[in-house]
Amino acid sequence: MRFRMLYAALLLTVAACSSDARWNRFRETEPRLAEARELASVECTGREECTARWERTRQYVARYSATRIRRADAASIETGRPLEAGVVYLWATRTPAAGNGFDGDRARISLRGMCRGMYGMDGGPGWLYSSCASQIRSIEMNFRAYVVEPGSRLPDDAA
């Protein structure tokens, strides 16, 4: 009986330490992930440039999302939500500059990576946070260069 109580106390201590370590990694990683999310957007000017950049965005989403594109129009590109946790899926938006429609001359294109299991119910790190954050950060950091540089090829391993 005493052995079981000692074992249970040891398990609780190990769980608490692992939880603390997860929160510490979360606090270190989340600002870098926020930076990548900010960099995962591009501006475009003129119908031709915006159309070309939106098409390159569609290619990028198709290449790096674990799920297929389920809807794509002039305003968004959405992929399906995967059944498995720890799998990255993407969403892109095209927002006209104030006062412009999609036929206008300026827009902002943004990419957002998502991953089931990345965040817990409390908004903190989920069990798959580190793996998901690493994949998403890589995909988002490579997005701008691919979309802006017409001669660039898709990176072999953005994820």
N, C-alpha and C. Protein backbone atom coordinates (compact mmCIF):
# COMPACT_ATOMS: atom_id res chain seq x y z
N MET A 1 0.83 -1.19 0.00
CA MET A 1 0.00 0.00 0.00
C MET A 1 0.87 1.26 0.00
N ARG A 2 1.88 1.25 0.84
CA ARG A 2 2.78 2.40 0.92
C ARG A 2 3.50 2.61 -0.41
N PHE A 3 3.91 1.50 -1.07
CA PHE A 3 4.58 1.57 -2.36
C PHE A 3 3.68 2.24 -3.40
N ARG A 4 2.41 1.91 -3.40
CA ARG A 4 1.46 2.49 -4.36
C ARG A 4 1.32 3.99 -4.14
N MET A 5 1.27 4.41 -2.90
CA MET A 5 1.15 5.85 -2.61
C MET A 5 2.42 6.58 -3.06
N LEU A 6 3.58 5.99 -2.82
CA LEU A 6 4.83 6.59 -3.24
C LEU A 6 4.90 6.67 -4.77
N TYR A 7 4.47 5.60 -5.43
CA TYR A 7 4.44 5.55 -6.88
C TYR A 7 3.50 6.62 -7.44
N ALA A 8 2.33 6.77 -6.86
CA ALA A 8 1.37 7.78 -7.30
C ALA A 8 1.94 9.18 -7.11
N ALA A 9 2.60 9.42 -6.00
CA ALA A 9 3.21 10.73 -5.75
C ALA A 9 4.30 11.01 -6.77
N LEU A 10 5.09 10.00 -7.10
CA LEU A 10 6.14 10.15 -8.10
C LEU A 10 5.55 10.49 -9.46
N LEU A 11 4.48 9.80 -9.85
CA LEU A 11 3.82 10.08 -11.12
C LEU A 11 3.29 11.51 -11.17
N LEU A 12 2.70 11.97 -10.10
CA LEU A 12 2.19 13.35 -10.05
C LEU A 12 3.33 14.36 -10.18
N THR A 13 4.45 14.09 -9.55
CA THR A 13 5.60 14.98 -9.64
C THR A 13 6.14 15.04 -11.06
N VAL A 14 6.28 13.88 -11.69
CA VAL A 14 6.76 13.82 -13.07
C VAL A 14 5.79 14.55 -14.00
N ALA A 15 4.51 14.37 -13.83
CA ALA A 15 3.50 15.05 -14.65
C ALA A 15 3.58 16.55 -14.47
N ALA A 16 3.76 17.00 -13.25
CA ALA A 16 3.87 18.44 -12.98
C ALA A 16 5.11 19.02 -13.64
N CYS A 17 6.23 18.31 -13.56
CA CYS A 17 7.47 18.79 -14.19
C CYS A 17 7.31 18.84 -15.71
N SER A 18 6.69 17.83 -16.28
CA SER A 18 6.51 17.81 -17.72
C SER A 18 5.57 18.93 -18.15
N SER A 19 4.57 19.20 -17.35
CA SER A 19 3.65 20.31 -17.64
C SER A 19 4.38 21.64 -17.57
N ASP A 20 5.23 21.82 -16.56
CA ASP A 20 6.02 23.06 -16.45
C ASP A 20 6.94 23.23 -17.65
N ALA A 21 7.58 22.16 -18.07
CA ALA A 21 8.48 22.22 -19.22
C ALA A 21 7.70 22.59 -20.48
N ARG A 22 6.51 22.01 -20.63
CA ARG A 22 5.68 22.34 -21.79
C ARG A 22 5.31 23.82 -21.80
N TRP A 23 4.93 24.37 -20.66
CA TRP A 23 4.57 25.78 -20.56
C TRP A 23 5.79 26.66 -20.84
N ASN A 24 6.96 26.25 -20.37
CA ASN A 24 8.17 27.04 -20.65
C ASN A 24 8.49 27.06 -22.14
N ARG A 25 8.40 25.91 -22.81
CA ARG A 25 8.60 25.87 -24.26
C ARG A 25 7.56 26.71 -24.97
N PHE A 26 6.33 26.66 -24.49
CA PHE A 26 5.25 27.45 -25.07
C PHE A 26 5.58 28.95 -24.99
N ARG A 27 6.03 29.40 -23.84
CA ARG A 27 6.36 30.82 -23.66
C ARG A 27 7.52 31.24 -24.56
N GLU A 28 8.45 30.34 -24.84
CA GLU A 28 9.57 30.64 -25.72
C GLU A 28 9.17 30.60 -27.20
N THR A 29 8.33 29.65 -27.54
CA THR A 29 7.99 29.41 -28.94
C THR A 29 6.88 30.32 -29.46
N GLU A 30 5.92 30.64 -28.64
CA GLU A 30 4.75 31.39 -29.10
C GLU A 30 5.12 32.75 -29.72
N PRO A 31 6.07 33.52 -29.18
CA PRO A 31 6.44 34.78 -29.85
C PRO A 31 7.06 34.55 -31.23
N ARG A 32 7.85 33.49 -31.40
CA ARG A 32 8.44 33.19 -32.71
C ARG A 32 7.35 32.76 -33.70
N LEU A 33 6.37 32.04 -33.20
CA LEU A 33 5.25 31.64 -34.04
C LEU A 33 4.42 32.85 -34.45
N ALA A 34 4.21 33.77 -33.54
CA ALA A 34 3.47 35.00 -33.86
C ALA A 34 4.21 35.81 -34.93
N GLU A 35 5.54 35.84 -34.84
CA GLU A 35 6.34 36.54 -35.84
C GLU A 35 6.17 35.89 -37.21
N ALA A 36 6.21 34.57 -37.25
CA ALA A 36 6.03 33.85 -38.52
C ALA A 36 4.64 34.13 -39.10
N ARG A 37 3.64 34.18 -38.24
CA ARG A 37 2.28 34.46 -38.73
C ARG A 37 2.19 35.86 -39.32
N GLU A 38 2.89 36.80 -38.72
CA GLU A 38 2.90 38.17 -39.25
C GLU A 38 3.60 38.21 -40.60
N LEU A 39 4.67 37.45 -40.75
CA LEU A 39 5.42 37.43 -42.01
C LEU A 39 4.72 36.63 -43.10
N ALA A 40 3.71 35.86 -42.75
CA ALA A 40 2.99 35.02 -43.72
C ALA A 40 1.89 35.81 -44.41
N SER A 41 2.23 37.01 -44.84
CA SER A 41 1.28 37.81 -45.60
C SER A 41 2.05 38.67 -46.60
N VAL A 42 1.38 38.98 -47.69
CA VAL A 42 1.98 39.80 -48.75
C VAL A 42 0.94 40.81 -49.22
N GLU A 43 1.43 41.90 -49.71
CA GLU A 43 0.59 42.92 -50.34
C GLU A 43 0.71 42.75 -51.85
N CYS A 44 -0.32 43.16 -52.56
CA CYS A 44 -0.23 43.17 -54.02
C CYS A 44 -0.93 44.43 -54.53
N THR A 45 -0.45 44.87 -55.69
CA THR A 45 -1.00 46.07 -56.31
C THR A 45 -1.27 45.75 -57.77
N GLY A 46 -2.45 46.03 -58.23
CA GLY A 46 -2.82 45.79 -59.61
C GLY A 46 -3.44 44.41 -59.78
N ARG A 47 -4.38 44.33 -60.70
CA ARG A 47 -5.12 43.08 -60.93
C ARG A 47 -4.19 41.94 -61.33
N GLU A 48 -3.24 42.20 -62.22
CA GLU A 48 -2.35 41.15 -62.70
C GLU A 48 -1.47 40.59 -61.56
N GLU A 49 -0.86 41.48 -60.78
CA GLU A 49 -0.01 41.03 -59.68
C GLU A 49 -0.83 40.29 -58.61
N CYS A 50 -2.00 40.82 -58.27
CA CYS A 50 -2.83 40.18 -57.25
C CYS A 50 -3.31 38.80 -57.71
N THR A 51 -3.68 38.69 -58.98
CA THR A 51 -4.11 37.40 -59.51
C THR A 51 -2.97 36.39 -59.48
N ALA A 52 -1.78 36.83 -59.89
CA ALA A 52 -0.62 35.93 -59.90
C ALA A 52 -0.26 35.49 -58.47
N ARG A 53 -0.25 36.42 -57.53
CA ARG A 53 0.09 36.06 -56.16
C ARG A 53 -0.97 35.18 -55.51
N TRP A 54 -2.22 35.38 -55.86
CA TRP A 54 -3.29 34.54 -55.31
C TRP A 54 -3.16 33.11 -55.86
N GLU A 55 -2.80 32.99 -57.15
CA GLU A 55 -2.61 31.66 -57.73
C GLU A 55 -1.41 30.96 -57.09
N ARG A 56 -0.33 31.68 -56.84
CA ARG A 56 0.83 31.08 -56.17
C ARG A 56 0.48 30.69 -54.74
N THR A 57 -0.40 31.46 -54.11
CA THR A 57 -0.87 31.10 -52.77
C THR A 57 -1.63 29.78 -52.83
N ARG A 58 -2.49 29.63 -53.82
CA ARG A 58 -3.25 28.39 -53.98
C ARG A 58 -2.31 27.20 -54.16
N GLN A 59 -1.26 27.38 -54.97
CA GLN A 59 -0.28 26.31 -55.18
C GLN A 59 0.42 25.95 -53.86
N TYR A 60 0.78 26.96 -53.10
CA TYR A 60 1.48 26.76 -51.83
C TYR A 60 0.59 26.00 -50.84
N VAL A 61 -0.66 26.42 -50.74
CA VAL A 61 -1.61 25.76 -49.84
C VAL A 61 -1.79 24.30 -50.26
N ALA A 62 -1.95 24.06 -51.55
CA ALA A 62 -2.14 22.69 -52.04
C ALA A 62 -0.92 21.82 -51.72
N ARG A 63 0.25 22.40 -51.77
CA ARG A 63 1.48 21.63 -51.54
C ARG A 63 1.71 21.33 -50.06
N TYR A 64 1.41 22.28 -49.17
CA TYR A 64 1.82 22.13 -47.77
C TYR A 64 0.70 21.80 -46.78
N SER A 65 -0.53 21.80 -47.22
CA SER A 65 -1.60 21.39 -46.32
C SER A 65 -1.72 19.87 -46.38
N ALA A 66 -1.92 19.25 -45.24
CA ALA A 66 -2.09 17.80 -45.19
C ALA A 66 -3.41 17.36 -45.80
N THR A 67 -4.34 18.29 -45.92
CA THR A 67 -5.65 17.98 -46.50
C THR A 67 -5.84 18.77 -47.78
N ARG A 68 -6.75 18.31 -48.60
CA ARG A 68 -7.01 18.95 -49.90
C ARG A 68 -7.80 20.25 -49.74
N ILE A 69 -7.67 21.08 -50.74
CA ILE A 69 -8.47 22.31 -50.80
C ILE A 69 -9.92 21.90 -50.98
N ARG A 70 -10.79 22.40 -50.12
CA ARG A 70 -12.20 22.06 -50.24
C ARG A 70 -13.03 23.22 -50.76
N ARG A 71 -12.47 24.44 -50.66
CA ARG A 71 -13.16 25.61 -51.18
C ARG A 71 -12.12 26.67 -51.53
N ALA A 72 -12.27 27.26 -52.71
CA ALA A 72 -11.37 28.33 -53.12
C ALA A 72 -12.15 29.31 -53.98
N ASP A 73 -12.07 30.57 -53.61
CA ASP A 73 -12.71 31.62 -54.40
C ASP A 73 -11.82 32.86 -54.34
N ALA A 74 -12.34 34.02 -54.69
CA ALA A 74 -11.54 35.24 -54.73
C ALA A 74 -11.16 35.74 -53.34
N ALA A 75 -11.82 35.26 -52.29
CA ALA A 75 -11.57 35.76 -50.94
C ALA A 75 -10.84 34.79 -50.03
N SER A 76 -10.98 33.47 -50.26
CA SER A 76 -10.34 32.52 -49.36
C SER A 76 -10.04 31.20 -50.04
N ILE A 77 -9.07 30.52 -49.46
CA ILE A 77 -8.72 29.16 -49.86
C ILE A 77 -8.74 28.36 -48.56
N GLU A 78 -9.62 27.37 -48.49
CA GLU A 78 -9.75 26.58 -47.27
C GLU A 78 -9.48 25.11 -47.57
N THR A 79 -8.74 24.49 -46.68
CA THR A 79 -8.54 23.05 -46.79
C THR A 79 -9.40 22.37 -45.73
N GLY A 80 -9.63 21.10 -45.90
CA GLY A 80 -10.42 20.36 -44.93
C GLY A 80 -9.67 20.20 -43.61
N ARG A 81 -10.42 20.07 -42.56
CA ARG A 81 -9.83 19.83 -41.24
C ARG A 81 -9.51 18.34 -41.12
N PRO A 82 -8.26 18.01 -40.80
CA PRO A 82 -7.91 16.58 -40.73
C PRO A 82 -8.55 15.89 -39.52
N LEU A 83 -8.73 14.60 -39.65
CA LEU A 83 -9.26 13.82 -38.54
C LEU A 83 -8.19 13.59 -37.48
N GLU A 84 -6.94 13.49 -37.90
CA GLU A 84 -5.85 13.19 -36.99
C GLU A 84 -5.36 14.46 -36.31
N ALA A 85 -4.89 14.30 -35.10
CA ALA A 85 -4.24 15.41 -34.39
C ALA A 85 -2.78 15.48 -34.83
N GLY A 86 -2.20 16.67 -34.73
CA GLY A 86 -0.80 16.85 -35.06
C GLY A 86 -0.53 17.03 -36.54
N VAL A 87 -1.58 17.23 -37.33
CA VAL A 87 -1.45 17.37 -38.77
C VAL A 87 -1.79 18.81 -39.16
N VAL A 88 -0.90 19.45 -39.91
CA VAL A 88 -1.08 20.86 -40.29
C VAL A 88 -2.01 20.98 -41.49
N TYR A 89 -2.94 21.91 -41.37
CA TYR A 89 -3.79 22.27 -42.50
C TYR A 89 -3.79 23.79 -42.61
N LEU A 90 -4.08 24.31 -43.80
CA LEU A 90 -3.89 25.73 -44.08
C LEU A 90 -5.16 26.42 -44.54
N TRP A 91 -5.12 27.72 -44.38
CA TRP A 91 -6.21 28.60 -44.79
C TRP A 91 -5.57 29.89 -45.26
N ALA A 92 -5.99 30.41 -46.39
CA ALA A 92 -5.47 31.67 -46.91
C ALA A 92 -6.63 32.63 -47.15
N THR A 93 -6.38 33.91 -46.94
CA THR A 93 -7.40 34.93 -47.20
C THR A 93 -6.81 36.03 -48.07
N ARG A 94 -7.69 36.62 -48.85
CA ARG A 94 -7.33 37.75 -49.71
C ARG A 94 -8.29 38.88 -49.35
N THR A 95 -7.73 39.93 -48.76
CA THR A 95 -8.54 41.03 -48.26
C THR A 95 -8.24 42.28 -49.07
N PRO A 96 -9.25 42.84 -49.75
CA PRO A 96 -9.02 44.08 -50.50
C PRO A 96 -8.65 45.22 -49.55
N ALA A 97 -7.79 46.11 -50.03
CA ALA A 97 -7.47 47.30 -49.25
C ALA A 97 -8.73 48.13 -49.09
N ALA A 98 -8.78 48.94 -48.05
CA ALA A 98 -9.97 49.76 -47.77
C ALA A 98 -10.44 50.48 -49.03
N GLY A 99 -11.72 50.32 -49.31
CA GLY A 99 -12.33 51.01 -50.45
C GLY A 99 -12.17 50.29 -51.77
N ASN A 100 -11.45 49.17 -51.79
CA ASN A 100 -11.26 48.42 -53.03
C ASN A 100 -12.03 47.11 -52.96
N GLY A 101 -12.60 46.71 -54.07
CA GLY A 101 -13.17 45.37 -54.17
C GLY A 101 -12.08 44.48 -54.73
N PHE A 102 -12.42 43.26 -55.10
CA PHE A 102 -11.41 42.37 -55.65
C PHE A 102 -10.97 42.82 -57.03
N ASP A 103 -11.74 43.69 -57.66
CA ASP A 103 -11.33 44.24 -58.94
C ASP A 103 -10.49 45.50 -58.73
N GLY A 104 -10.32 45.91 -57.48
CA GLY A 104 -9.52 47.08 -57.16
C GLY A 104 -8.05 46.81 -57.37
N ASP A 105 -7.22 47.77 -56.99
CA ASP A 105 -5.82 47.64 -57.32
C ASP A 105 -4.91 47.23 -56.16
N ARG A 106 -5.47 47.00 -54.96
CA ARG A 106 -4.61 46.61 -53.83
C ARG A 106 -5.31 45.59 -52.94
N ALA A 107 -4.51 44.63 -52.44
CA ALA A 107 -5.05 43.61 -51.53
C ALA A 107 -3.93 43.07 -50.65
N ARG A 108 -4.35 42.40 -49.58
CA ARG A 108 -3.41 41.72 -48.68
C ARG A 108 -3.78 40.24 -48.68
N ILE A 109 -2.78 39.40 -48.91
CA ILE A 109 -2.96 37.95 -48.91
C ILE A 109 -2.26 37.40 -47.68
N SER A 110 -2.99 36.61 -46.89
CA SER A 110 -2.43 36.06 -45.65
C SER A 110 -2.62 34.56 -45.60
N LEU A 111 -1.65 33.89 -44.99
CA LEU A 111 -1.70 32.44 -44.82
C LEU A 111 -1.76 32.14 -43.33
N ARG A 112 -2.52 31.13 -42.97
CA ARG A 112 -2.63 30.73 -41.56
C ARG A 112 -2.56 29.22 -41.48
N GLY A 113 -1.62 28.73 -40.69
CA GLY A 113 -1.50 27.30 -40.45
C GLY A 113 -2.21 26.92 -39.17
N MET A 114 -2.84 25.77 -39.17
CA MET A 114 -3.56 25.28 -37.99
C MET A 114 -3.22 23.80 -37.80
N CYS A 115 -3.40 23.32 -36.56
CA CYS A 115 -3.04 21.96 -36.24
C CYS A 115 -3.87 21.49 -35.05
N ARG A 116 -4.60 20.41 -35.24
CA ARG A 116 -5.39 19.86 -34.12
C ARG A 116 -4.46 19.33 -33.05
N GLY A 117 -4.77 19.63 -31.81
CA GLY A 117 -3.96 19.16 -30.70
C GLY A 117 -2.87 20.12 -30.29
N MET A 118 -2.81 21.27 -30.97
CA MET A 118 -1.75 22.23 -30.69
C MET A 118 -2.01 23.00 -29.40
N TYR A 119 -3.27 23.35 -29.17
CA TYR A 119 -3.62 24.11 -27.98
C TYR A 119 -4.57 23.30 -27.11
N GLY A 120 -4.42 23.47 -25.81
CA GLY A 120 -5.29 22.79 -24.86
C GLY A 120 -6.57 23.58 -24.64
N MET A 121 -7.46 23.02 -23.86
CA MET A 121 -8.74 23.67 -23.55
C MET A 121 -8.54 24.99 -22.83
N ASP A 122 -7.41 25.16 -22.13
CA ASP A 122 -7.13 26.38 -21.39
C ASP A 122 -6.42 27.44 -22.24
N GLY A 123 -6.21 27.15 -23.54
CA GLY A 123 -5.53 28.09 -24.42
C GLY A 123 -4.02 27.95 -24.36
N GLY A 124 -3.54 27.10 -23.50
CA GLY A 124 -2.11 26.85 -23.38
C GLY A 124 -1.68 25.75 -24.33
N PRO A 125 -0.46 25.25 -24.15
CA PRO A 125 0.06 24.25 -25.07
C PRO A 125 -0.64 22.90 -24.92
N GLY A 126 -1.03 22.33 -26.04
CA GLY A 126 -1.56 20.97 -26.04
C GLY A 126 -0.40 19.99 -26.12
N TRP A 127 -0.71 18.71 -26.12
CA TRP A 127 0.33 17.69 -26.15
C TRP A 127 1.17 17.75 -27.42
N LEU A 128 0.62 18.25 -28.50
CA LEU A 128 1.33 18.29 -29.77
C LEU A 128 1.84 19.68 -30.13
N TYR A 129 1.87 20.58 -29.16
CA TYR A 129 2.23 21.97 -29.43
C TYR A 129 3.59 22.09 -30.11
N SER A 130 4.63 21.51 -29.56
CA SER A 130 5.98 21.68 -30.10
C SER A 130 6.07 21.22 -31.55
N SER A 131 5.56 20.05 -31.83
CA SER A 131 5.60 19.51 -33.18
C SER A 131 4.80 20.39 -34.15
N CYS A 132 3.59 20.76 -33.75
CA CYS A 132 2.74 21.59 -34.60
C CYS A 132 3.36 22.97 -34.83
N ALA A 133 3.84 23.59 -33.78
CA ALA A 133 4.40 24.94 -33.90
C ALA A 133 5.60 24.95 -34.83
N SER A 134 6.43 23.95 -34.75
CA SER A 134 7.61 23.86 -35.61
C SER A 134 7.20 23.74 -37.09
N GLN A 135 6.24 22.89 -37.37
CA GLN A 135 5.77 22.71 -38.75
C GLN A 135 5.14 23.99 -39.28
N ILE A 136 4.26 24.58 -38.49
CA ILE A 136 3.55 25.78 -38.92
C ILE A 136 4.52 26.93 -39.15
N ARG A 137 5.45 27.11 -38.23
CA ARG A 137 6.42 28.20 -38.36
C ARG A 137 7.22 28.07 -39.65
N SER A 138 7.66 26.89 -39.96
CA SER A 138 8.42 26.66 -41.18
C SER A 138 7.59 26.98 -42.42
N ILE A 139 6.37 26.50 -42.47
CA ILE A 139 5.49 26.75 -43.61
C ILE A 139 5.21 28.24 -43.75
N GLU A 140 4.91 28.90 -42.67
CA GLU A 140 4.58 30.33 -42.74
C GLU A 140 5.81 31.19 -43.06
N MET A 141 6.97 30.81 -42.58
CA MET A 141 8.19 31.59 -42.85
C MET A 141 8.58 31.51 -44.33
N ASN A 142 8.30 30.41 -45.01
CA ASN A 142 8.66 30.24 -46.42
C ASN A 142 7.62 30.81 -47.39
N PHE A 143 6.45 31.14 -46.88
CA PHE A 143 5.34 31.57 -47.73
C PHE A 143 5.64 32.83 -48.54
N ARG A 144 6.08 33.88 -47.87
CA ARG A 144 6.27 35.18 -48.53
C ARG A 144 7.24 35.07 -49.70
N ALA A 145 8.39 34.45 -49.49
CA ALA A 145 9.39 34.35 -50.56
C ALA A 145 8.82 33.64 -51.77
N TYR A 146 8.08 32.56 -51.55
CA TYR A 146 7.53 31.83 -52.68
C TYR A 146 6.50 32.67 -53.46
N VAL A 147 5.63 33.34 -52.76
CA VAL A 147 4.55 34.08 -53.42
C VAL A 147 5.07 35.34 -54.12
N VAL A 148 6.04 36.01 -53.53
CA VAL A 148 6.53 37.28 -54.07
C VAL A 148 7.51 37.09 -55.22
N GLU A 149 8.29 36.02 -55.20
CA GLU A 149 9.31 35.80 -56.22
C GLU A 149 8.80 34.82 -57.28
N PRO A 150 8.35 35.35 -58.43
CA PRO A 150 7.74 34.50 -59.45
C PRO A 150 8.62 33.35 -59.94
N GLY A 151 9.94 33.52 -59.93
CA GLY A 151 10.83 32.46 -60.41
C GLY A 151 11.14 31.40 -59.38
N SER A 152 10.71 31.60 -58.13
CA SER A 152 11.06 30.64 -57.08
C SER A 152 10.20 29.39 -57.16
N ARG A 153 10.81 28.28 -56.77
CA ARG A 153 10.10 27.01 -56.75
C ARG A 153 9.63 26.74 -55.33
N LEU A 154 8.69 25.82 -55.21
CA LEU A 154 8.22 25.42 -53.89
C LEU A 154 9.37 24.80 -53.11
N PRO A 155 9.58 25.21 -51.86
CA PRO A 155 10.62 24.57 -51.05
C PRO A 155 10.31 23.08 -50.91
N ASP A 156 11.36 22.27 -50.89
CA ASP A 156 11.16 20.82 -50.78
C ASP A 156 10.54 20.41 -49.47
N ASP A 157 10.90 21.10 -48.40
CA ASP A 157 10.43 20.67 -47.08
C ASP A 157 10.07 21.84 -46.18
N ALA A 158 9.08 22.60 -46.58
CA ALA A 158 8.67 23.73 -45.74
C ALA A 158 8.22 23.23 -44.38
N ALA A 159 7.66 22.05 -44.35
CA ALA A 159 7.21 21.50 -43.07
C ALA A 159 8.33 20.69 -42.57
